[in-house]
Amino acid sequence: RAKPLTELIARRPQDAETLRKAAQDSGVDVANLRYLPLTSSKTKDWVALLDAKLNMVGWAPVDGF
């Protein structure tokens, strides 16, 4: 389930700059973004950034769990 990106920024202050940069690159205000942790067989350290309609608008190399 997608959660507000602001929650992840608050929970992972060491990654806040990376997340804010990814949000800026997406063109969507950080307050309107949600994130979804994604994993693959190679990595678990990235999140998809979603807009209000849950369209993927960006990503960040951050552990979302």
PDB file of N, CA and C in Angstrom:
ATOM      1  N   ARG A   1       0.831  -1.180   0.000  1.00  0.00           N
ATOM      2  CA  ARG A   1       0.000   0.000   0.000  1.00  0.00           C
ATOM      3  C   ARG A   1       0.875   1.243   0.000  1.00  0.00           C
ATOM      4  N   ALA A   2       0.578   2.167  -0.896  1.00  0.00           N
ATOM      5  CA  ALA A   2       1.357   3.402  -1.008  1.00  0.00           C
ATOM      6  C   ALA A   2       1.095   4.301   0.197  1.00  0.00           C
ATOM      7  N   LYS A   3       2.161   4.930   0.683  1.00  0.00           N
ATOM      8  CA  LYS A   3       2.078   5.821   1.842  1.00  0.00           C
ATOM      9  C   LYS A   3       2.629   7.191   1.456  1.00  0.00           C
ATOM     10  N   PRO A   4       2.279   8.229   2.224  1.00  0.00           N
ATOM     11  CA  PRO A   4       2.792   9.571   1.921  1.00  0.00           C
ATOM     12  C   PRO A   4       4.319   9.617   1.982  1.00  0.00           C
ATOM     13  N   LEU A   5       4.913  10.259   1.004  1.00  0.00           N
ATOM     14  CA  LEU A   5       6.368  10.372   0.974  1.00  0.00           C
ATOM     15  C   LEU A   5       6.892  11.133   2.187  1.00  0.00           C
ATOM     16  N   THR A   6       6.123  12.063   2.696  1.00  0.00           N
ATOM     17  CA  THR A   6       6.557  12.827   3.867  1.00  0.00           C
ATOM     18  C   THR A   6       6.814  11.916   5.064  1.00  0.00           C
ATOM     19  N   GLU A   7       6.094  10.806   5.163  1.00  0.00           N
ATOM     20  CA  GLU A   7       6.328   9.847   6.249  1.00  0.00           C
ATOM     21  C   GLU A   7       7.693   9.195   6.119  1.00  0.00           C
ATOM     22  N   LEU A   8       8.066   8.825   4.901  1.00  0.00           N
ATOM     23  CA  LEU A   8       9.373   8.202   4.684  1.00  0.00           C
ATOM     24  C   LEU A   8      10.499   9.197   4.947  1.00  0.00           C
ATOM     25  N   ILE A   9      10.310  10.438   4.535  1.00  0.00           N
ATOM     26  CA  ILE A   9      11.313  11.471   4.792  1.00  0.00           C
ATOM     27  C   ILE A   9      11.514  11.645   6.295  1.00  0.00           C
ATOM     28  N   ALA A  10      10.435  11.653   7.056  1.00  0.00           N
ATOM     29  CA  ALA A  10      10.533  11.797   8.507  1.00  0.00           C
ATOM     30  C   ALA A  10      11.179  10.578   9.156  1.00  0.00           C
ATOM     31  N   ARG A  11      10.901   9.403   8.626  1.00  0.00           N
ATOM     32  CA  ARG A  11      11.416   8.162   9.203  1.00  0.00           C
ATOM     33  C   ARG A  11      12.872   7.896   8.837  1.00  0.00           C
ATOM     34  N   ARG A  12      13.320   8.432   7.714  1.00  0.00           N
ATOM     35  CA  ARG A  12      14.686   8.182   7.233  1.00  0.00           C
ATOM     36  C   ARG A  12      15.400   9.512   6.960  1.00  0.00           C
ATOM     37  N   PRO A  13      15.694  10.276   8.019  1.00  0.00           N
ATOM     38  CA  PRO A  13      16.310  11.595   7.818  1.00  0.00           C
ATOM     39  C   PRO A  13      17.646  11.521   7.066  1.00  0.00           C
ATOM     40  N   GLN A  14      18.341  10.399   7.167  1.00  0.00           N
ATOM     41  CA  GLN A  14      19.615  10.256   6.452  1.00  0.00           C
ATOM     42  C   GLN A  14      19.408  10.212   4.935  1.00  0.00           C
ATOM     43  N   ASP A  15      18.191   9.927   4.484  1.00  0.00           N
ATOM     44  CA  ASP A  15      17.873   9.878   3.055  1.00  0.00           C
ATOM     45  C   ASP A  15      16.993  11.039   2.601  1.00  0.00           C
ATOM     46  N   ALA A  16      16.751  11.989   3.483  1.00  0.00           N
ATOM     47  CA  ALA A  16      15.826  13.084   3.179  1.00  0.00           C
ATOM     48  C   ALA A  16      16.255  13.876   1.945  1.00  0.00           C
ATOM     49  N   GLU A  17      17.535  14.177   1.807  1.00  0.00           N
ATOM     50  CA  GLU A  17      18.001  14.960   0.662  1.00  0.00           C
ATOM     51  C   GLU A  17      17.769  14.197  -0.646  1.00  0.00           C
ATOM     52  N   THR A  18      18.062  12.909  -0.650  1.00  0.00           N
ATOM     53  CA  THR A  18      17.849  12.077  -1.842  1.00  0.00           C
ATOM     54  C   THR A  18      16.376  12.044  -2.211  1.00  0.00           C
ATOM     55  N   LEU A  19      15.510  11.885  -1.215  1.00  0.00           N
ATOM     56  CA  LEU A  19      14.073  11.823  -1.463  1.00  0.00           C
ATOM     57  C   LEU A  19      13.523  13.156  -1.950  1.00  0.00           C
ATOM     58  N   ARG A  20      13.992  14.245  -1.364  1.00  0.00           N
ATOM     59  CA  ARG A  20      13.525  15.568  -1.806  1.00  0.00           C
ATOM     60  C   ARG A  20      13.979  15.869  -3.232  1.00  0.00           C
ATOM     61  N   LYS A  21      15.187  15.462  -3.584  1.00  0.00           N
ATOM     62  CA  LYS A  21      15.690  15.657  -4.944  1.00  0.00           C
ATOM     63  C   LYS A  21      14.865  14.839  -5.934  1.00  0.00           C
ATOM     64  N   ALA A  22      14.558  13.592  -5.590  1.00  0.00           N
ATOM     65  CA  ALA A  22      13.736  12.750  -6.464  1.00  0.00           C
ATOM     66  C   ALA A  22      12.344  13.349  -6.619  1.00  0.00           C
ATOM     67  N   ALA A  23      11.804  13.899  -5.542  1.00  0.00           N
ATOM     68  CA  ALA A  23      10.487  14.541  -5.613  1.00  0.00           C
ATOM     69  C   ALA A  23      10.540  15.751  -6.529  1.00  0.00           C
ATOM     70  N   GLN A  24      11.579  16.562  -6.384  1.00  0.00           N
ATOM     71  CA  GLN A  24      11.727  17.740  -7.246  1.00  0.00           C
ATOM     72  C   GLN A  24      11.835  17.318  -8.711  1.00  0.00           C
ATOM     73  N   ASP A  25      12.614  16.284  -8.976  1.00  0.00           N
ATOM     74  CA  ASP A  25      12.783  15.801 -10.355  1.00  0.00           C
ATOM     75  C   ASP A  25      11.477  15.276 -10.950  1.00  0.00           C
ATOM     76  N   SER A  26      10.572  14.805 -10.081  1.00  0.00           N
ATOM     77  CA  SER A  26       9.294  14.270 -10.562  1.00  0.00           C
ATOM     78  C   SER A  26       8.361  15.371 -11.054  1.00  0.00           C
ATOM     79  N   GLY A  27       8.575  16.596 -10.575  1.00  0.00           N
ATOM     80  CA  GLY A  27       7.707  17.700 -10.948  1.00  0.00           C
ATOM     81  C   GLY A  27       6.432  17.784 -10.133  1.00  0.00           C
ATOM     82  N   VAL A  28       6.308  16.923  -9.123  1.00  0.00           N
ATOM     83  CA  VAL A  28       5.128  16.908  -8.258  1.00  0.00           C
ATOM     84  C   VAL A  28       5.565  17.371  -6.875  1.00  0.00           C
ATOM     85  N   ASP A  29       4.757  18.208  -6.237  1.00  0.00           N
ATOM     86  CA  ASP A  29       5.074  18.682  -4.895  1.00  0.00           C
ATOM     87  C   ASP A  29       5.201  17.510  -3.939  1.00  0.00           C
ATOM     88  N   VAL A  30       6.210  17.552  -3.084  1.00  0.00           N
ATOM     89  CA  VAL A  30       6.474  16.451  -2.147  1.00  0.00           C
ATOM     90  C   VAL A  30       5.247  16.119  -1.298  1.00  0.00           C
ATOM     91  N   ALA A  31       4.448  17.116  -0.968  1.00  0.00           N
ATOM     92  CA  ALA A  31       3.252  16.885  -0.148  1.00  0.00           C
ATOM     93  C   ALA A  31       2.196  16.064  -0.881  1.00  0.00           C
ATOM     94  N   ASN A  32       2.292  16.004  -2.198  1.00  0.00           N
ATOM     95  CA  ASN A  32       1.306  15.263  -2.995  1.00  0.00           C
ATOM     96  C   ASN A  32       1.819  13.925  -3.503  1.00  0.00           C
ATOM     97  N   LEU A  33       3.010  13.537  -3.054  1.00  0.00           N
ATOM     98  CA  LEU A  33       3.583  12.271  -3.497  1.00  0.00           C
ATOM     99  C   LEU A  33       3.371  11.164  -2.480  1.00  0.00           C
ATOM    100  N   ARG A  34       3.266   9.959  -3.009  1.00  0.00           N
ATOM    101  CA  ARG A  34       3.215   8.757  -2.192  1.00  0.00           C
ATOM    102  C   ARG A  34       4.372   7.891  -2.642  1.00  0.00           C
ATOM    103  N   TYR A  35       4.740   6.923  -1.819  1.00  0.00           N
ATOM    104  CA  TYR A  35       5.825   6.022  -2.200  1.00  0.00           C
ATOM    105  C   TYR A  35       5.397   4.582  -2.007  1.00  0.00           C
ATOM    106  N   LEU A  36       6.070   3.733  -2.748  1.00  0.00           N
ATOM    107  CA  LEU A  36       5.820   2.302  -2.662  1.00  0.00           C
ATOM    108  C   LEU A  36       7.175   1.606  -2.713  1.00  0.00           C
ATOM    109  N   PRO A  37       7.552   0.897  -1.634  1.00  0.00           N
ATOM    110  CA  PRO A  37       8.814   0.165  -1.666  1.00  0.00           C
ATOM    111  C   PRO A  37       8.733  -0.951  -2.702  1.00  0.00           C
ATOM    112  N   LEU A  38       9.794  -1.093  -3.472  1.00  0.00           N
ATOM    113  CA  LEU A  38       9.842  -2.139  -4.482  1.00  0.00           C
ATOM    114  C   LEU A  38      11.119  -2.946  -4.312  1.00  0.00           C
ATOM    115  N   THR A  39      11.025  -4.211  -4.619  1.00  0.00           N
ATOM    116  CA  THR A  39      12.185  -5.078  -4.505  1.00  0.00           C
ATOM    117  C   THR A  39      12.366  -5.870  -5.787  1.00  0.00           C
ATOM    118  N   SER A  40      13.562  -6.340  -5.963  1.00  0.00           N
ATOM    119  CA  SER A  40      13.862  -7.236  -7.070  1.00  0.00           C
ATOM    120  C   SER A  40      14.845  -8.270  -6.549  1.00  0.00           C
ATOM    121  N   SER A  41      15.228  -9.181  -7.392  1.00  0.00           N
ATOM    122  CA  SER A  41      16.187 -10.193  -6.955  1.00  0.00           C
ATOM    123  C   SER A  41      17.567  -9.586  -6.721  1.00  0.00           C
ATOM    124  N   LYS A  42      17.793  -8.375  -7.249  1.00  0.00           N
ATOM    125  CA  LYS A  42      19.107  -7.741  -7.130  1.00  0.00           C
ATOM    126  C   LYS A  42      19.196  -6.689  -6.027  1.00  0.00           C
ATOM    127  N   THR A  43      18.084  -6.034  -5.712  1.00  0.00           N
ATOM    128  CA  THR A  43      18.141  -4.965  -4.712  1.00  0.00           C
ATOM    129  C   THR A  43      16.797  -4.787  -4.008  1.00  0.00           C
ATOM    130  N   LYS A  44      16.882  -4.279  -2.801  1.00  0.00           N
ATOM    131  CA  LYS A  44      15.682  -3.941  -2.036  1.00  0.00           C
ATOM    132  C   LYS A  44      15.671  -2.460  -1.692  1.00  0.00           C
ATOM    133  N   ASP A  45      16.654  -1.743  -2.188  1.00  0.00           N
ATOM    134  CA  ASP A  45      16.844  -0.359  -1.787  1.00  0.00           C
ATOM    135  C   ASP A  45      16.370   0.641  -2.822  1.00  0.00           C
ATOM    136  N   TRP A  46      15.071   0.617  -3.120  1.00  0.00           N
ATOM    137  CA  TRP A  46      14.518   1.688  -3.938  1.00  0.00           C
ATOM    138  C   TRP A  46      13.019   1.778  -3.751  1.00  0.00           C
ATOM    139  N   VAL A  47      12.510   2.969  -4.006  1.00  0.00           N
ATOM    140  CA  VAL A  47      11.074   3.216  -3.875  1.00  0.00           C
ATOM    141  C   VAL A  47      10.572   3.889  -5.146  1.00  0.00           C
ATOM    142  N   ALA A  48       9.342   3.580  -5.494  1.00  0.00           N
ATOM    143  CA  ALA A  48       8.661   4.259  -6.592  1.00  0.00           C
ATOM    144  C   ALA A  48       7.930   5.458  -6.011  1.00  0.00           C
ATOM    145  N   LEU A  49       7.956   6.577  -6.716  1.00  0.00           N
ATOM    146  CA  LEU A  49       7.210   7.770  -6.315  1.00  0.00           C
ATOM    147  C   LEU A  49       5.953   7.838  -7.161  1.00  0.00           C
ATOM    148  N   LEU A  50       4.827   8.017  -6.497  1.00  0.00           N
ATOM    149  CA  LEU A  50       3.528   7.993  -7.159  1.00  0.00           C
ATOM    150  C   LEU A  50       2.802   9.315  -6.961  1.00  0.00           C
ATOM    151  N   ASP A  51       2.072   9.729  -8.003  1.00  0.00           N
ATOM    152  CA  ASP A  51       1.265  10.946  -7.878  1.00  0.00           C
ATOM    153  C   ASP A  51      -0.093  10.604  -7.252  1.00  0.00           C
ATOM    154  N   ALA A  52      -0.981  11.576  -7.213  1.00  0.00           N
ATOM    155  CA  ALA A  52      -2.286  11.383  -6.562  1.00  0.00           C
ATOM    156  C   ALA A  52      -3.129  10.300  -7.226  1.00  0.00           C
ATOM    157  N   LYS A  53      -2.889  10.053  -8.521  1.00  0.00           N
ATOM    158  CA  LYS A  53      -3.635   9.011  -9.236  1.00  0.00           C
ATOM    159  C   LYS A  53      -2.879   7.682  -9.242  1.00  0.00           C
ATOM    160  N   LEU A  54      -1.816   7.622  -8.441  1.00  0.00           N
ATOM    161  CA  LEU A  54      -0.959   6.443  -8.297  1.00  0.00           C
ATOM    162  C   LEU A  54      -0.208   6.083  -9.572  1.00  0.00           C
ATOM    163  N   ASN A  55       0.066   7.099 -10.403  1.00  0.00           N
ATOM    164  CA  ASN A  55       0.939   6.917 -11.555  1.00  0.00           C
ATOM    165  C   ASN A  55       2.376   7.079 -11.085  1.00  0.00           C
ATOM    166  N   MET A  56       3.267   6.213 -11.545  1.00  0.00           N
ATOM    167  CA  MET A  56       4.669   6.344 -11.176  1.00  0.00           C
ATOM    168  C   MET A  56       5.253   7.563 -11.877  1.00  0.00           C
ATOM    169  N   VAL A  57       5.814   8.475 -11.073  1.00  0.00           N
ATOM    170  CA  VAL A  57       6.377   9.704 -11.618  1.00  0.00           C
ATOM    171  C   VAL A  57       7.868   9.834 -11.323  1.00  0.00           C
ATOM    172  N   GLY A  58       8.415   8.876 -10.590  1.00  0.00           N
ATOM    173  CA  GLY A  58       9.836   8.911 -10.267  1.00  0.00           C
ATOM    174  C   GLY A  58      10.217   7.759  -9.371  1.00  0.00           C
ATOM    175  N   TRP A  59      11.457   7.796  -8.953  1.00  0.00           N
ATOM    176  CA  TRP A  59      11.976   6.762  -8.063  1.00  0.00           C
ATOM    177  C   TRP A  59      13.139   7.331  -7.269  1.00  0.00           C
ATOM    178  N   ALA A  60      13.497   6.615  -6.207  1.00  0.00           N
ATOM    179  CA  ALA A  60      14.645   7.026  -5.391  1.00  0.00           C
ATOM    180  C   ALA A  60      15.357   5.776  -4.886  1.00  0.00           C
ATOM    181  N   PRO A  61      16.681   5.814  -4.820  1.00  0.00           N
ATOM    182  CA  PRO A  61      17.452   4.674  -4.348  1.00  0.00           C
ATOM    183  C   PRO A  61      17.517   4.631  -2.818  1.00  0.00           C
ATOM    184  N   VAL A  62      16.370   4.379  -2.207  1.00  0.00           N
ATOM    185  CA  VAL A  62      16.225   4.399  -0.747  1.00  0.00           C
ATOM    186  C   VAL A  62      15.448   3.162  -0.315  1.00  0.00           C
ATOM    187  N   ASP A  63      15.836   2.581   0.812  1.00  0.00           N
ATOM    188  CA  ASP A  63      15.105   1.456   1.383  1.00  0.00           C
ATOM    189  C   ASP A  63      13.788   1.972   1.956  1.00  0.00           C
ATOM    190  N   GLY A  64      12.676   1.512   1.423  1.00  0.00           N
ATOM    191  CA  GLY A  64      11.365   1.991   1.864  1.00  0.00           C
ATOM    192  C   GLY A  64      10.732   1.152   2.948  1.00  0.00           C
ATOM    193  N   PHE A  65      11.432   0.128   3.411  1.00  0.00           N
ATOM    194  CA  PHE A  65      10.847  -0.740   4.451  1.00  0.00           C
ATOM    195  C   PHE A  65      11.259  -0.333   5.833  1.00  0.00           C
TER     196      PHE A  65
END
